[in-house]
Protein backbone atom coordinates (compact mmCIF):
# COMPACT_ATOMS: atom_id res chain seq x y z
CA MET A 1 103.34 126.48 99.50
CA SER A 2 105.29 129.70 100.09
CA LYS A 3 107.36 128.85 103.17
CA GLU A 4 111.08 128.33 102.45
CA PHE A 5 111.60 125.48 104.89
CA SER A 6 109.50 123.48 107.30
CA ILE A 7 109.89 120.43 109.50
CA THR A 8 106.74 118.55 110.38
CA GLY A 9 107.09 115.27 112.23
CA ASN A 10 110.01 113.46 110.63
CA LYS A 11 109.67 115.31 107.30
CA ALA A 12 111.76 118.26 106.14
CA ILE A 13 110.37 120.21 103.18
CA LEU A 14 112.62 122.65 101.32
CA ASN A 15 110.96 125.03 98.88
CA LEU A 16 113.64 125.72 96.28
CA SER A 17 111.38 128.15 94.42
CA GLU A 18 111.62 130.50 97.39
CA GLN A 19 115.30 129.97 98.04
CA PHE A 20 118.22 128.15 96.50
CA PHE A 21 121.91 128.20 97.40
CA ASN A 22 124.75 128.77 94.97
CA ASP A 23 127.49 127.95 97.44
CA ILE A 24 128.19 126.77 101.00
CA ASN A 25 128.20 130.31 102.35
CA GLU A 26 124.66 130.95 101.06
CA LEU A 27 123.54 127.60 102.46
CA LEU A 28 124.84 128.25 105.98
CA ASN A 29 123.59 131.86 105.98
CA SER A 30 120.08 130.87 104.95
CA ASP A 31 116.97 131.01 107.12
CA SER A 32 116.39 127.36 106.21
CA PHE A 33 119.69 126.28 107.79
CA PHE A 34 118.92 128.34 110.90
CA GLU A 35 115.49 126.68 111.22
CA LEU A 36 117.11 123.26 110.82
CA THR A 37 119.64 124.11 113.54
CA LYS A 38 116.86 125.17 115.91
CA SER A 39 115.00 121.95 115.23
CA PHE A 40 118.15 119.91 115.92
CA ILE A 41 118.82 121.68 119.22
CA ASN A 42 115.17 121.47 120.30
CA TYR A 43 115.19 117.74 119.63
CA HIS A 44 118.24 117.17 121.85
CA LYS A 45 116.92 119.55 124.51
CA GLU A 46 113.69 117.54 124.75
CA GLU A 47 115.74 114.33 124.92
CA SER A 48 118.09 115.85 127.56
CA SER A 49 120.89 114.25 125.56
CA ARG A 50 124.63 114.47 125.99
CA VAL A 51 124.79 116.46 122.76
CA TYR A 52 122.63 119.17 124.31
CA ALA A 53 124.92 119.22 127.35
CA TYR A 54 127.87 119.77 124.98
CA ILE A 55 126.07 122.64 123.24
CA GLU A 56 125.22 124.36 126.54
CA GLN A 57 128.80 123.90 127.70
CA PHE A 58 130.17 125.74 124.65
CA PHE A 59 127.78 128.67 124.67
CA ILE A 60 126.72 130.87 127.55
CA ASN A 61 123.30 131.82 126.19
CA SER A 62 120.58 129.37 127.12
CA SER A 63 117.68 130.08 124.74
CA VAL A 64 117.37 127.79 121.74
CA ASP A 65 117.48 130.77 119.36
CA SER A 66 120.73 132.03 120.90
CA LEU A 67 122.31 128.59 120.95
CA SER A 68 121.31 128.11 117.31
CA ARG A 69 122.90 131.39 116.24
CA GLU A 70 126.10 130.51 118.08
CA LEU A 71 126.29 127.06 116.53
CA VAL A 72 125.65 128.43 113.03
CA ASP A 73 128.39 131.02 113.52
CA ILE A 74 130.86 128.33 114.63
CA LEU A 75 130.02 126.12 111.62
CA LYS A 76 130.42 129.04 109.20
CA LEU A 77 133.84 129.86 110.67
CA LEU A 78 134.94 126.24 110.39
CA THR A 79 134.31 126.26 106.64
CA VAL A 80 137.07 128.88 106.20
CA MET A 81 139.38 128.31 109.20
CA ASN A 82 140.53 125.32 111.22
CA ILE A 83 139.64 125.07 114.89
CA ASP A 84 143.02 126.36 116.08
CA GLU A 85 142.72 129.45 113.90
CA VAL A 86 139.19 130.10 115.19
CA SER A 87 140.43 129.83 118.79
CA SER A 88 143.36 132.18 118.21
CA LYS A 89 141.55 134.83 116.17
CA ILE A 90 138.04 134.96 117.67
CA ASN A 91 138.13 136.01 121.32
CA LYS A 92 134.86 134.53 122.46
CA TYR A 93 135.88 131.12 121.04
CA HIS A 94 139.41 131.13 122.47
CA ASN A 95 138.86 127.77 124.24
CA LEU A 96 137.14 126.05 121.34
CA ASN A 97 140.22 124.04 120.35
CA LYS A 98 140.17 122.40 123.80
CA GLU A 99 136.73 120.93 123.06
CA LYS A 100 137.41 119.15 119.79
CA ASP A 101 135.77 115.87 120.81
CA GLY A 102 132.57 117.55 121.99
CA LEU A 103 132.34 119.74 118.91
CA LEU A 104 132.98 116.78 116.63
CA LYS A 105 130.16 114.90 118.37
CA ILE A 106 127.81 117.84 117.79
CA VAL A 107 128.69 118.02 114.08
CA GLU A 108 128.26 114.26 113.61
CA GLU A 109 124.91 114.22 115.39
CA PHE A 110 123.72 117.29 113.47
CA TYR A 111 124.57 115.60 110.16
CA ASN A 112 122.87 112.37 111.29
CA TYR A 113 119.80 114.33 112.41
CA TRP A 114 119.47 115.80 108.92
CA ARG A 115 120.08 112.47 107.22
CA ASN A 116 117.49 110.69 109.41
CA LEU A 117 114.76 113.10 108.37
CA GLU A 118 112.65 112.32 105.31
CA ARG A 119 113.79 115.13 103.05
CA TYR A 120 111.74 116.66 100.22
CA SER A 121 112.40 119.55 97.87
CA ILE A 122 109.79 121.46 95.89
CA ILE A 123 110.09 123.61 92.79
CA GLU A 124 107.14 125.61 91.50
CA GLN A 125 106.77 125.84 87.73
CA LYS A 126 105.07 129.00 86.58
CA GLU A 127 102.35 128.75 83.96
CA ASP A 128 104.26 130.98 81.53
CA SER A 129 107.52 129.03 81.86
CA ARG A 130 106.53 125.75 80.25
CA GLY A 131 109.60 123.52 80.06
CA VAL A 132 111.85 126.01 81.87
CA GLY A 133 113.57 124.53 84.88
CA VAL A 134 112.99 120.90 83.97
CA VAL A 135 116.69 120.19 83.46
CA ASN A 136 117.50 122.10 86.65
CA PHE A 137 114.86 120.04 88.43
CA VAL A 138 116.77 116.88 87.60
CA GLU A 139 120.22 118.32 88.35
CA ILE A 140 119.46 120.56 91.29
CA ASN A 141 119.32 117.81 93.90
CA GLU A 142 122.77 116.55 92.88
CA LYS A 143 124.17 120.07 93.25
CA LEU A 144 122.59 120.46 96.68
CA LYS A 145 123.87 117.03 97.78
CA ASN A 146 127.43 117.91 96.81
CA MET A 147 127.16 121.24 98.62
CA ILE A 148 125.98 119.59 101.85
CA LEU A 149 128.65 116.88 101.68
CA GLN A 150 131.33 119.47 100.96
CA ALA A 151 130.25 121.59 103.94
CA TYR A 152 130.14 118.58 106.25
CA ARG A 153 133.57 117.32 105.17
CA ARG A 154 135.19 120.73 105.32
CA ILE A 155 133.91 121.36 108.86
CA GLU A 156 135.05 117.92 110.01
CA MET A 157 138.48 118.47 108.47
CA SER A 158 138.74 121.82 110.26
CA ILE A 159 138.09 120.07 113.59
CA ILE A 160 140.11 116.86 113.07
CA GLY A 161 142.93 118.40 111.03
CA GLU A 162 142.84 115.96 108.09
CA TRP A 163 140.59 114.94 105.21
CA PRO A 164 138.79 111.58 105.44
CA LYS A 165 140.46 108.55 103.85
CA VAL A 166 137.18 107.03 102.63
CA TYR A 167 134.45 109.04 100.91
CA ARG A 168 130.88 107.79 100.86
CA GLN A 169 128.63 109.62 98.42
CA VAL A 170 125.49 109.01 100.44
CA PRO A 171 122.19 110.75 99.64
CA ALA A 172 122.45 113.98 101.63
CA ALA A 173 119.99 116.27 99.88
CA ALA A 174 116.34 115.47 99.12
CA ASP A 175 115.07 111.89 99.17
CA ALA A 176 112.45 113.03 96.68
CA SER A 177 111.76 116.16 94.69
CA ILE A 178 108.51 117.34 93.17
CA MET A 179 107.74 120.02 90.63
CA ILE A 180 104.40 121.71 91.25
CA ARG A 181 102.15 124.01 89.28
CA TYR A 182 98.86 125.76 89.92
CA PHE A 183 96.00 125.27 87.45
CA ASP A 184 92.82 127.30 87.22
CA LYS A 185 90.39 124.45 86.73
CA ASP A 186 86.80 125.15 85.76
CA PHE A 187 85.43 123.40 88.83
CA PRO A 188 81.81 123.70 89.97
CA GLU A 189 81.46 126.35 92.67
CA ILE A 190 81.59 123.96 95.65
CA TYR A 191 85.02 122.69 94.48
CA GLN A 192 86.49 126.05 93.43
CA ASP A 193 88.75 126.35 96.49
CA LEU A 194 90.63 123.24 95.38
CA ASN A 195 92.32 125.52 92.81
CA LYS A 196 94.38 126.84 95.73
CA ILE A 197 96.18 123.47 95.83
CA PRO A 198 99.11 122.94 93.42
CA PHE A 199 99.38 119.88 91.16
CA ILE A 200 102.46 117.70 91.00
CA THR A 201 103.74 117.65 87.42
CA GLN A 202 107.06 115.82 87.89
CA VAL A 203 108.62 113.58 90.52
CA MET A 204 112.24 112.61 91.17
CA ILE A 205 113.10 109.88 93.70
CA GLU A 206 116.55 109.11 95.11
CA THR A 207 116.43 105.32 95.24
CA PRO A 208 116.50 103.21 97.25
CA TYR A 209 113.88 105.32 98.98
CA ILE A 210 113.30 103.97 102.49
CA THR A 211 110.48 105.41 104.56
CA TYR A 212 108.81 104.72 107.90
CA THR A 213 105.13 105.40 108.52
CA LYS A 214 103.12 105.63 111.73
CA SER A 215 100.91 102.73 110.72
CA ASN A 216 101.57 99.56 108.72
CA LYS A 217 98.09 98.06 108.26
CA ARG A 218 94.80 99.09 106.75
CA ASP A 219 91.51 98.58 108.56
CA GLY A 220 87.94 98.18 107.29
CA ILE A 221 86.27 99.26 104.06
CA PHE A 222 85.32 102.63 102.64
CA GLU A 223 81.63 103.33 103.07
CA GLU A 224 79.39 105.10 100.61
CA VAL A 225 77.75 108.15 102.19
CA TYR A 226 74.99 110.39 100.90
CA GLU A 227 76.23 113.80 101.96
CA ASN A 228 79.14 115.39 100.12
CA PRO A 229 82.22 115.33 102.42
CA ILE A 230 83.56 118.46 100.71
CA PHE A 231 81.10 120.41 102.87
CA ASP A 232 82.48 121.35 106.30
CA THR A 233 85.89 119.85 105.44
CA ASP A 234 88.66 121.84 107.08
CA ILE A 235 91.39 121.97 104.41
CA ASN A 236 94.49 124.07 105.03
CA TYR A 237 95.18 124.66 101.34
CA ASP A 238 98.79 125.79 101.95
CA HIS A 239 99.49 122.33 103.39
CA PHE A 240 98.08 120.27 100.51
CA PHE A 241 99.31 118.97 97.16
CA CYS A 242 97.53 117.15 94.35
CA TYR A 243 98.81 114.04 92.59
CA PRO A 244 96.74 113.66 89.37
CA ALA A 245 96.63 109.90 88.76
CA LYS A 246 95.69 108.05 85.60
CA VAL A 247 94.07 104.88 86.96
CA GLY A 248 93.26 102.72 83.97
CA ASP A 249 91.29 105.08 81.77
CA ASN A 250 90.02 107.15 84.71
CA LEU A 251 91.52 110.43 85.96
CA ILE A 252 91.58 110.78 89.75
CA TYR A 253 92.90 113.83 91.62
CA ILE A 254 94.52 112.79 94.91
CA TYR A 255 94.65 115.79 97.27
CA PHE A 256 96.89 114.95 100.23
CA HIS A 257 98.22 116.70 103.33
CA ARG A 258 101.94 117.50 103.42
CA ASP A 259 102.35 115.23 106.47
CA LEU A 260 101.44 112.41 104.06
CA LEU A 261 103.93 113.52 101.41
CA THR A 262 105.61 110.11 101.60
CA HIS A 263 102.48 108.55 100.16
CA GLY A 264 101.93 111.24 97.55
CA VAL A 265 105.47 110.70 96.24
CA SER A 266 105.11 106.90 96.48
CA ALA A 267 101.99 107.10 94.29
CA SER A 268 104.32 107.80 91.36
CA ASN A 269 105.62 104.21 91.56
CA LEU A 270 102.07 102.82 91.43
CA PHE A 271 99.82 105.13 89.39
CA GLU A 272 100.73 106.88 86.15
CA LEU A 273 101.21 110.62 86.71
CA ALA A 274 98.83 112.51 84.43
CA ASP A 275 100.31 114.78 81.77
CA VAL A 276 99.91 118.53 82.02
CA LYS A 277 97.67 118.28 78.94
CA ASP A 278 95.40 115.80 80.75
CA VAL A 279 95.03 118.20 83.68
CA GLU A 280 94.41 121.19 81.41
CA GLU A 281 91.90 119.57 79.06
CA LYS A 282 90.08 116.89 81.07
CA ASN A 283 87.83 116.91 84.09
CA PRO A 284 88.52 114.36 86.82
CA ASP A 285 86.31 111.30 87.22
CA ALA A 286 86.93 111.43 90.98
CA ILE A 287 88.72 113.43 93.64
CA TYR A 288 90.16 112.08 96.87
CA ILE A 289 90.78 114.31 99.90
CA TYR A 290 93.39 112.45 101.93
CA GLY A 291 94.21 113.76 105.38
CA PRO A 292 92.37 117.00 106.20
CA LYS A 293 92.77 117.73 109.91
CA ASP A 294 89.05 117.81 110.66
CA LYS A 295 87.56 117.57 114.11
CA GLY A 296 85.02 114.90 114.91
CA ASP A 297 84.78 111.28 113.82
CA ARG A 298 83.73 111.22 110.19
CA LYS A 299 83.84 107.92 108.32
CA ASN A 300 86.38 106.90 105.71
CA SER A 301 83.92 107.31 102.88
CA PHE A 302 83.05 108.20 99.31
CA TYR A 303 80.13 110.07 97.80
CA TYR A 304 78.69 110.36 94.29
CA ASP A 305 77.91 113.93 93.28
CA GLU A 306 75.09 113.23 90.82
CA GLU A 307 74.77 116.85 89.72
CA ASN A 308 78.44 117.17 88.76
CA LYS A 309 79.00 113.49 87.80
CA LEU A 310 81.92 113.26 90.20
CA TYR A 311 82.95 110.79 92.90
CA VAL A 312 84.45 112.29 96.07
CA GLY A 313 86.58 110.23 98.48
CA TYR A 314 87.46 111.42 101.97
CA ILE A 315 89.66 110.30 104.89
CA ALA A 316 90.36 112.56 107.87
CA TYR A 317 93.89 112.89 109.23
CA SER A 318 95.05 110.54 111.99
CA ASP A 319 98.17 108.52 112.75
CA LYS A 320 96.24 105.40 111.70
CA ILE A 321 95.86 106.52 108.08
CA ASP A 322 99.59 107.19 107.70
CA TYR A 323 99.87 104.01 105.63
CA PHE A 324 100.05 103.73 101.85
CA GLY A 325 97.15 101.29 101.78
CA TYR A 326 94.78 104.14 102.65
CA LEU A 327 95.84 106.06 99.55
CA LYS A 328 95.99 103.07 97.22
CA LYS A 329 92.76 101.34 98.26
CA MET A 330 90.57 104.44 98.31
CA VAL A 331 91.81 105.37 94.83
CA LEU A 332 91.02 101.83 93.65
CA THR A 333 87.60 101.95 95.33
CA LEU A 334 86.79 105.15 93.45
CA ASN A 335 88.11 103.64 90.23
CA ASN A 336 86.02 100.50 90.72
CA VAL A 337 82.70 102.23 91.43
CA ILE A 338 83.30 104.37 88.32
CA ASN A 339 83.97 101.21 86.28
CA ILE A 340 80.88 99.44 87.63
CA LYS A 341 78.85 102.40 86.43
CA LYS A 342 80.47 101.94 82.99
CA GLY A 343 79.57 98.22 82.94
CA TYR A 344 83.10 96.95 83.66
CA LEU A 345 83.69 94.21 86.23
CA PRO A 346 86.37 95.11 88.85
CA ILE A 347 88.85 92.29 89.50
CA HIS A 348 90.82 92.15 92.75
CA GLY A 349 93.67 89.90 91.76
CA ALA A 350 96.64 89.40 89.47
CA GLY A 351 96.56 89.49 85.69
CA LEU A 352 99.39 88.06 83.60
CA SER A 353 100.08 87.70 79.90
CA ILE A 354 102.65 84.93 79.44
CA VAL A 355 104.55 83.71 76.40
CA LEU A 356 105.77 80.17 77.08
CA GLN A 357 109.02 78.71 75.80
CA ASN A 358 107.03 76.98 73.03
CA ASP A 359 105.77 80.45 71.91
CA LYS A 360 102.24 79.79 73.15
CA THR A 361 100.60 82.90 74.66
CA VAL A 362 98.21 82.53 77.57
CA ASN A 363 96.48 85.20 79.65
CA ILE A 364 95.82 84.26 83.27
CA VAL A 365 93.79 86.12 85.89
CA ILE A 366 93.87 85.03 89.55
CA LEU A 367 91.20 86.50 91.83
CA GLY A 368 91.71 86.90 95.57
CA ASP A 369 91.48 89.37 98.45
CA SER A 370 94.46 90.65 100.43
CA GLY A 371 96.84 87.83 101.41
CA ALA A 372 95.23 85.21 99.14
CA GLY A 373 98.35 84.80 97.01
CA LYS A 374 97.99 87.16 94.03
CA SER A 375 101.40 88.82 94.17
CA GLU A 376 103.00 85.63 95.46
CA SER A 377 101.73 83.75 92.41
CA ILE A 378 103.35 86.37 90.19
CA GLU A 379 106.63 85.84 92.02
CA ALA A 380 106.26 82.07 91.63
CA PHE A 381 105.74 82.49 87.88
CA ARG A 382 108.74 84.80 87.73
CA SER A 383 110.94 82.24 89.50
CA LEU A 384 109.97 79.65 86.88
CA ALA A 385 110.78 81.93 83.95
CA LYS A 386 113.86 80.04 82.76
CA ASP A 387 112.09 76.67 82.56
CA TYR A 388 108.67 77.72 81.30
CA ILE A 389 108.40 81.38 80.33
CA LYS A 390 109.91 83.35 77.47
CA GLU A 391 108.16 86.63 78.28
CA MET A 392 105.77 87.83 81.00
CA THR A 393 103.70 91.04 81.17
CA ILE A 394 102.06 91.95 84.46
CA VAL A 395 98.72 93.40 83.41
CA PHE A 396 97.82 94.08 87.04
CA ASP A 397 99.28 93.08 90.38
CA ASP A 398 96.30 93.95 92.57
CA MET A 399 93.37 95.49 90.74
CA GLY A 400 92.13 95.34 87.18
CA SER A 401 88.89 95.08 85.29
CA PHE A 402 87.10 92.80 82.84
CA ARG A 403 85.44 94.28 79.80
CA ILE A 404 83.42 92.56 77.09
CA LYS A 405 84.58 93.27 73.56
CA ASP A 406 83.44 91.44 70.42
CA GLY A 407 81.64 88.90 72.60
CA LYS A 408 84.78 87.97 74.58
CA VAL A 409 86.15 88.93 78.01
CA TYR A 410 89.31 91.06 78.08
CA ALA A 411 91.45 92.01 81.09
CA TYR A 412 92.75 95.55 81.67
CA GLY A 413 95.07 96.94 84.33
CA THR A 414 94.90 100.00 86.58
CA GLU A 415 98.37 100.32 88.14
CA ILE A 416 101.83 100.58 86.62
CA GLY A 417 103.39 99.27 89.84
CA ALA A 418 103.04 96.77 92.65
CA PHE A 419 102.63 97.25 96.41
CA VAL A 420 103.87 93.92 97.75
CA ARG A 421 104.94 92.40 101.06
CA LEU A 422 108.71 92.10 101.37
CA ASP A 423 108.27 88.82 103.26
CA ASP A 424 106.56 87.27 100.24
CA LEU A 425 109.29 88.18 97.76
CA ASP A 426 112.40 86.19 97.11
CA ALA A 427 115.11 88.15 98.96
CA GLY A 428 117.39 88.15 95.93
CA TYR A 429 114.66 89.60 93.73
CA ALA A 430 113.91 92.39 96.24
CA PHE A 431 117.57 93.42 96.23
CA LYS A 432 117.65 93.38 92.42
CA GLN A 433 114.86 95.97 92.43
CA ILE A 434 116.54 98.21 95.01
CA ASP A 435 117.57 100.85 92.48
CA ARG A 436 113.98 101.72 91.51
CA SER A 437 111.91 100.79 94.52
CA ILE A 438 110.33 102.41 97.55
CA PHE A 439 110.72 100.45 100.80
CA MET A 440 108.18 101.05 103.57
CA ASN A 441 108.91 99.94 107.15
CA PRO A 442 111.44 97.31 105.97
CA ASP A 443 112.15 96.01 109.49
CA LYS A 444 108.51 95.67 110.61
CA VAL A 445 105.63 93.23 110.17
CA ASN A 446 103.88 93.70 106.82
CA SER A 447 106.87 95.62 105.41
CA ARG A 448 106.21 96.70 101.84
CA LEU A 449 107.91 97.37 98.54
CA ILE A 450 106.46 99.65 95.85
CA MET A 451 108.02 99.06 92.47
CA PRO A 452 107.06 99.76 88.85
CA VAL A 453 106.17 96.60 86.92
CA ALA A 454 104.66 97.63 83.57
CA SER A 455 104.14 100.63 81.32
CA PHE A 456 100.83 102.48 81.16
CA GLU A 457 100.46 101.44 77.53
CA GLU A 458 100.97 97.75 78.37
CA ILE A 459 98.32 97.59 81.09
CA ASN A 460 95.69 99.25 78.89
CA LYS A 461 96.07 97.08 75.74
CA GLY A 462 93.40 94.58 76.74
CA TYR A 463 94.16 90.83 76.98
CA GLU A 464 91.67 88.11 76.08
CA VAL A 465 91.23 85.95 79.19
CA ASP A 466 92.20 82.25 78.90
CA PHE A 467 92.19 81.27 82.61
CA PHE A 468 90.17 82.80 85.47
CA LEU A 469 91.13 81.21 88.79
CA TYR A 470 90.10 81.83 92.38
CA ALA A 471 93.05 81.88 94.84
CA ASP A 472 92.38 79.55 97.79
CA ASN A 473 95.10 80.30 100.36
CA TYR A 474 93.93 78.00 103.19
CA SER A 475 93.17 74.53 101.70
CA ALA A 476 96.08 72.08 101.90
CA VAL A 477 97.05 70.02 98.85
CA LEU A 478 97.36 66.40 100.00
CA ASP A 479 99.36 63.65 98.32
CA ASN A 480 98.11 62.85 94.82
CA GLU A 481 95.82 65.88 94.87
CA SER A 482 95.89 68.69 92.35
CA SER A 483 96.43 72.37 93.18
CA LEU A 484 94.08 73.22 90.34
CA GLU A 485 90.42 72.52 89.83
CA ILE A 486 88.62 73.57 86.66
CA ILE A 487 84.91 74.03 87.42
CA ASP A 488 82.49 73.09 84.64
CA ASP A 489 79.39 74.18 86.56
CA LYS A 490 78.94 77.94 86.10
CA LYS A 491 76.65 78.27 89.14
CA GLU A 492 79.18 76.51 91.39
CA ALA A 493 81.97 78.73 90.10
CA LEU A 494 79.87 81.83 90.75
CA ARG A 495 79.17 80.64 94.29
CA ILE A 496 82.88 80.16 95.06
CA PHE A 497 83.95 83.46 93.49
CA LYS A 498 81.17 85.43 95.19
CA ARG A 499 81.87 83.85 98.60
CA GLY A 500 85.43 85.23 98.52
CA GLY A 501 86.82 83.08 101.33
CA ARG A 502 90.41 83.39 102.55
CA LEU A 503 92.49 82.99 105.69
CA ALA A 504 93.63 86.44 106.87
CA LYS A 505 97.40 86.77 106.68
CA GLY A 506 98.20 89.95 108.62
CA THR A 507 98.00 92.44 105.74
CA THR A 508 94.90 94.01 107.34
CA THR A 509 93.51 93.97 110.87
CA GLU A 510 91.30 90.95 110.04
CA THR A 511 91.97 87.56 111.61
CA GLY A 512 90.91 83.97 110.90
CA LEU A 513 88.84 82.69 107.99
CA VAL A 514 86.99 85.63 106.46
CA LYS A 515 84.63 86.03 103.51
CA THR A 516 84.32 89.08 101.28
CA TYR A 517 81.84 89.44 98.45
CA PHE A 518 83.67 88.63 95.19
CA ALA A 519 86.94 88.97 97.15
CA ASN A 520 86.73 92.71 96.62
CA PRO A 521 85.83 95.17 99.41
CA PHE A 522 86.81 98.08 97.15
CA GLY A 523 83.69 98.78 95.12
CA PRO A 524 81.80 95.50 94.58
CA VAL A 525 80.91 95.20 98.30
CA GLN A 526 79.44 98.72 98.22
CA LYS A 527 77.72 98.14 94.85
CA MET A 528 76.61 94.53 95.35
CA GLU A 529 73.33 94.78 93.45
CA GLU A 530 74.95 96.27 90.35
CA CYS A 531 77.88 93.85 90.61
CA ASP A 532 75.56 90.80 90.81
CA LYS A 533 74.17 91.70 87.39
CA LEU A 534 77.66 92.15 85.97
CA LEU A 535 78.83 88.80 87.40
CA ASP A 536 75.97 86.96 85.72
CA GLN A 537 76.79 88.66 82.43
CA TYR A 538 80.55 88.11 82.58
CA PHE A 539 80.44 84.49 83.78
CA GLU A 540 77.95 83.71 81.01
CA THR A 541 80.42 85.16 78.49
CA LEU A 542 83.41 83.35 80.05
CA TYR A 543 81.70 79.95 79.84
CA LYS A 544 80.30 80.64 76.39
CA ASN A 545 83.89 81.16 75.18
CA LYS A 546 85.16 78.06 77.03
CA VAL A 547 87.51 80.04 79.26
CA LYS A 548 89.03 77.81 81.97
CA VAL A 549 87.34 78.92 85.22
CA GLY A 550 88.28 77.30 88.53
CA THR A 551 90.35 77.46 91.72
CA ILE A 552 94.07 77.44 92.43
CA ARG A 553 95.24 76.41 95.90
CA THR A 554 98.16 78.71 96.75
CA GLN A 555 98.38 77.41 100.38
CA LEU A 556 99.87 80.81 101.22
CA ALA A 557 98.32 81.02 104.70
CA LEU A 558 99.56 77.58 105.75
CA ASP A 559 102.73 77.22 107.83
CA ASN A 560 105.97 77.14 105.83
CA MET A 561 104.12 77.27 102.49
CA GLN A 562 104.43 80.96 101.54
CA PHE A 563 106.92 80.15 98.76
CA ALA A 564 106.41 76.42 98.17
CA GLY A 565 102.59 76.67 97.86
CA PRO A 566 102.38 79.26 95.06
CA LYS A 567 105.35 77.66 93.26
CA ALA A 568 103.78 74.17 93.26
CA ALA A 569 100.51 75.61 91.95
CA ALA A 570 102.34 77.58 89.25
CA ILE A 571 104.23 74.48 88.04
CA GLU A 572 100.99 72.53 87.84
CA LEU A 573 99.30 75.33 85.91
CA PHE A 574 102.14 75.51 83.40
CA GLU A 575 102.09 71.75 82.89
CA LEU A 576 98.34 71.96 82.20
CA ILE A 577 98.84 74.77 79.68
CA LYS A 578 101.67 72.97 77.87
CA ASN A 579 99.56 69.86 77.39
CA MET A 580 96.45 71.66 76.12
């Protein structure tokens, strides 16, 4: 990553290790600012906009390079002189003061063009400078923001003739910043070239972070293949970064293309970023190559490298995979197949440890595929906190695992955050989380919020399971019926849990009533034979310890029940617990 500045799609990437600016003059004289100006003019030229007509009117030269140089020169002059002074002292701009309105329009649109880009800054940390630059990393974006705002305001004042009456300290520098570092990992020979890709060691996000992606749904499952996708994979190493994720107790390296930087940054709100020590001293359990621009039509797949004891995930670049679900779900698939190999049972659902107002602690796990009501049940429990709950820990919001310890079943988490539908959150709660959340496509169907919900230490403590419930999102609860059914017959419970039925709710491309083995297409479907053995073992242990196993009707997929259904079920569950 040696280039000072690049714009790809709607993303601007500024490499502050190659160039930083101490003042406005350095900023406006930089190659980065010139490249931004060219991009701005090219955009309006392609759009044949009125702004481009203004620019051509001011400057005789017609090439984009020439127009860009002229515009940069004008902006630099306006930081030290007002428009009348420029017109009187610079011969070739002697009529500039007659075009104040047009010039003001150009400046406003240029500023808006910059602000509408997704903006990222990068700082490289050298191996021999451990700790150096960390403070600057945190402060540097604030300094750059103030510099940009100062330049913008000074230029506007030079055109209008007065300072603004209202100042809005809007984010004007990077939306997110990453610190990167290269590591010389002792990879097997076939993976050696991955050492050309830098690791992310720190992330800073200017919240609320609002981003728009080319896709807003995930499609299909990730297939296991039997040829290593690392072979014949066309990776432009200068265009890739690595996010080293701690997923439960597994270490997964997520290698992603810079066009997918939104998702690499967003991963920091969902998966714990591995420490430098973890990267230096441990080998990964899996690697994920997300977005190489390969030709052909290779499957979204994963492979187990038996010789090197390493899982390899792969998804080729396309507009379709520009959706966070393709990062999240492949990482969880890799995590789950690793856990199955360890003898752990992957759980696609929500895990909660709740302390009730009467000081009783109960650990609840709700199983269900996408749209079944996992996250919505959490929100229902949260909304009832005052009446029923003293304290609530979210062990996992989407994916966890069961492990048998001392003859009992314990629940463990994988993610420190939640990737939830905005439509399924109480609006007030979503706004309360605005200062630490990432919003994806907030005005579209299946809009999402990524927010941290628990610490890494909390999700990995292990919680003895008291309730294990299957989320039924399509069965209506009629008068005098219960939302809950505890199933005493282990075989019947296994049948219901394995069937994995739900009514698709628009979170994927599926429609209608669908069935997924154990409600989990991310590992158990691909490893059904191994998972069958684990299910027999774990259900035997659950029933032996008299854990309450059954179904909970969330009614989430029924009309007008997306809030009322999970809330009614939650109230009924709490009443049952209180009276036990």
